[in-house]
Protein backbone atom coordinates (compact mmCIF):
# COMPACT_ATOMS: atom_id res chain seq x y z
CA MET A 1 11.77 0.25 -15.33
CA ASP A 2 10.10 1.28 -18.58
CA ARG A 3 6.39 1.98 -19.00
CA GLN A 4 5.72 -1.13 -21.05
CA LYS A 5 7.28 -3.40 -18.42
CA LEU A 6 5.28 -1.70 -15.64
CA GLN A 7 2.08 -2.20 -17.66
CA GLU A 8 2.91 -5.90 -18.18
CA ILE A 9 3.51 -6.40 -14.45
CA PHE A 10 0.29 -4.53 -13.65
CA GLU A 11 -1.75 -6.72 -16.03
CA LYS A 12 -0.12 -9.91 -14.73
CA TYR A 13 -1.12 -9.22 -11.14
CA CYS A 14 -4.59 -7.95 -12.02
CA LYS A 15 -5.20 -11.43 -13.45
CA LYS A 16 -3.43 -13.36 -10.67
CA LEU A 17 -5.42 -11.51 -8.02
CA ARG A 18 -8.63 -11.97 -10.02
CA ILE A 19 -9.24 -8.21 -10.04
CA THR A 20 -10.00 -8.19 -13.75
CA PRO A 21 -12.43 -8.71 -15.42
CA ASP A 22 -14.59 -7.90 -12.36
CA TRP A 23 -13.06 -4.41 -12.07
CA ASP A 24 -12.02 -1.94 -14.74
CA VAL A 25 -8.56 -0.90 -13.60
CA ARG A 26 -5.87 1.15 -15.26
CA LEU A 27 -2.33 2.13 -14.43
CA GLN A 28 -1.45 5.82 -14.43
CA LEU A 29 2.14 7.01 -14.01
CA VAL A 30 2.58 10.21 -11.99
CA GLU A 31 5.34 12.42 -13.39
CA ASP A 32 5.23 15.02 -10.58
CA ALA A 33 8.52 14.75 -8.63
CA SER A 34 6.90 16.41 -5.60
CA TRP A 35 4.24 13.69 -5.27
CA PRO A 36 5.09 12.15 -1.88
CA LYS A 37 3.83 8.61 -2.44
CA THR A 38 5.18 5.72 -4.47
CA GLY A 39 1.76 4.25 -5.16
CA ASP A 40 -1.90 4.99 -4.47
CA PHE A 41 -5.40 4.28 -5.76
CA LYS A 42 -8.45 6.24 -6.83
CA ILE A 43 -11.51 4.03 -6.51
CA ASP A 44 -15.15 4.24 -7.65
CA CYS A 45 -16.85 1.29 -5.95
CA ASP A 46 -20.27 1.96 -7.46
CA ASP A 47 -18.92 1.56 -10.99
CA LYS A 48 -16.10 -0.86 -10.04
CA LYS A 49 -13.45 1.33 -11.61
CA ALA A 50 -10.03 2.12 -10.19
CA VAL A 51 -6.84 3.90 -11.19
CA LEU A 52 -3.54 2.75 -9.72
CA LEU A 53 -1.26 5.78 -9.43
CA LEU A 54 2.43 4.95 -9.61
CA ASN A 55 5.21 7.45 -8.99
CA ALA A 56 7.37 7.45 -12.10
CA ALA A 57 9.32 10.60 -11.25
CA ASN A 58 10.48 10.00 -7.70
CA PRO A 59 9.57 6.54 -6.35
CA ARG A 60 10.49 5.82 -2.75
CA GLN A 61 10.87 2.05 -3.27
CA GLU A 62 13.38 0.11 -5.36
CA ASN A 63 11.08 -2.71 -6.50
CA MET A 64 8.17 -1.33 -8.52
CA GLU A 65 6.73 -4.83 -8.94
CA GLU A 66 6.35 -4.93 -5.16
CA VAL A 67 4.60 -1.54 -5.19
CA ILE A 68 2.15 -2.64 -7.89
CA VAL A 69 1.28 -5.85 -6.02
CA HIS A 70 0.92 -3.93 -2.75
CA GLU A 71 -1.49 -1.41 -4.25
CA LEU A 72 -3.52 -4.12 -6.00
CA MET A 73 -3.81 -5.94 -2.65
CA HIS A 74 -5.36 -2.76 -1.25
CA LEU A 75 -7.94 -2.88 -4.04
CA LYS A 76 -8.59 -6.56 -3.39
CA MET A 77 -9.17 -5.85 0.31
CA TYR A 78 -11.12 -2.63 -0.26
CA PRO A 79 -14.56 -4.07 0.66
CA LEU A 80 -13.22 -5.23 4.03
CA ASP A 81 -11.47 -1.88 4.46
CA GLN A 82 -14.76 -0.02 3.91
CA VAL A 83 -16.79 -2.23 6.26
CA THR A 84 -14.23 -1.86 9.04
CA GLU A 85 -13.98 1.88 8.57
CA SER A 86 -17.79 2.15 8.69
CA LEU A 87 -17.86 0.14 11.92
CA ILE A 88 -15.32 2.49 13.47
CA THR A 89 -17.15 5.66 12.43
CA SER A 90 -20.50 4.32 13.63
CA SER A 91 -19.15 2.98 16.93
CA PHE A 92 -16.92 5.81 18.14
CA GLU A 93 -17.37 9.54 18.29
CA GLU A 94 -14.94 11.36 16.03
CA GLY A 95 -12.28 13.24 17.96
CA THR A 96 -12.29 10.84 20.92
CA SER A 97 -9.29 8.81 21.97
CA ALA A 98 -11.24 5.59 21.33
CA TYR A 99 -11.93 6.69 17.75
CA ALA A 100 -8.28 7.63 17.21
CA PHE A 101 -7.11 4.34 18.69
CA ALA A 102 -9.49 2.22 16.57
CA TYR A 103 -8.55 4.08 13.38
CA ARG A 104 -4.81 3.94 14.05
CA GLU A 105 -4.86 0.23 14.89
CA PHE A 106 -7.09 -0.62 11.93
CA PHE A 107 -4.87 1.14 9.41
CA LEU A 108 -1.69 -0.25 10.94
CA THR A 109 -3.10 -3.79 10.81
CA LEU A 110 -4.44 -3.27 7.29
CA GLU A 111 -1.05 -2.05 6.05
CA GLN A 112 0.78 -4.93 7.74
CA THR A 113 -1.65 -7.47 6.25
CA VAL A 114 -1.40 -5.99 2.76
CA GLU A 115 2.38 -5.99 2.97
CA GLU A 116 2.50 -9.59 4.18
CA LEU A 117 0.22 -10.74 1.34
CA THR A 118 2.38 -8.76 -1.09
CA LYS A 119 5.50 -10.59 0.09
CA CYS A 120 3.74 -13.96 -0.36
CA PHE A 121 2.73 -13.13 -3.93
CA LEU A 122 6.17 -11.81 -4.83
CA LEU A 123 7.87 -14.92 -3.48
CA GLU A 124 5.50 -17.14 -5.47
CA PHE A 125 5.06 -15.20 -8.72
CA GLY A 126 7.54 -12.31 -8.75
CA GLU A 127 10.12 -11.65 -11.40
CA ASN A 128 11.91 -9.40 -8.89
CA ARG A 129 11.67 -11.10 -5.50
CA GLN A 130 13.94 -8.59 -3.80
CA LEU A 131 11.94 -6.67 -1.23
CA SER A 132 12.28 -2.89 -1.00
CA TYR A 133 13.88 -1.54 2.15
CA GLY A 134 13.40 2.14 1.32
CA ARG A 135 11.22 2.74 4.38
CA CYS A 136 13.96 1.31 6.62
CA ASP A 137 16.45 3.80 5.19
CA ARG A 138 14.29 6.66 6.48
CA ARG A 139 14.01 5.21 10.01
CA ARG A 140 16.33 5.71 12.92
CA SER A 141 18.42 2.74 13.98
CA PHE A 142 17.59 0.76 17.10
CA ASN A 143 20.42 2.42 19.00
CA GLU A 144 19.40 5.88 17.83
CA LEU A 145 15.94 5.35 19.31
CA TYR A 146 17.50 5.09 22.75
CA ASP A 147 19.95 7.98 22.45
CA GLY A 148 19.19 10.60 25.03
CA LEU A 149 16.95 8.48 27.24
CA LYS A 150 17.54 8.97 30.93
CA SER A 151 18.98 6.10 32.89
CA MET A 152 16.51 4.43 35.25
CA GLU A 153 19.18 4.19 37.95
């Protein structure tokens, strides 16, 4: 997908999600093939500025519209993210199993929620409504997960 098209998609969803004009947000394409992510954000909450980083050299997803929406959903949910993270850090001692559990469950739930909202927006407003299955390609199959397990008999 060319840069102009990515910028158009980015601007479309900034408006649909009502991120702009409240936030100053820009899209930055990362040309480093070793960058391990497909998308990420740099955020300055005090100044309400953010930069969406998008992997242009080696993306790990097929549908870049989905990635843009996903990352913008993270920005939309950032205040809730920060409150929850603050509650975890003030309630549990770092390095304890309770702290690790709370953090792991919070981030898992956050990621699942963001992805579910992303799917809803793509189905309603997306030009490309095909979901990316790139993460599935890197996972072991159901049967592979059970290879080598000892029989309970």
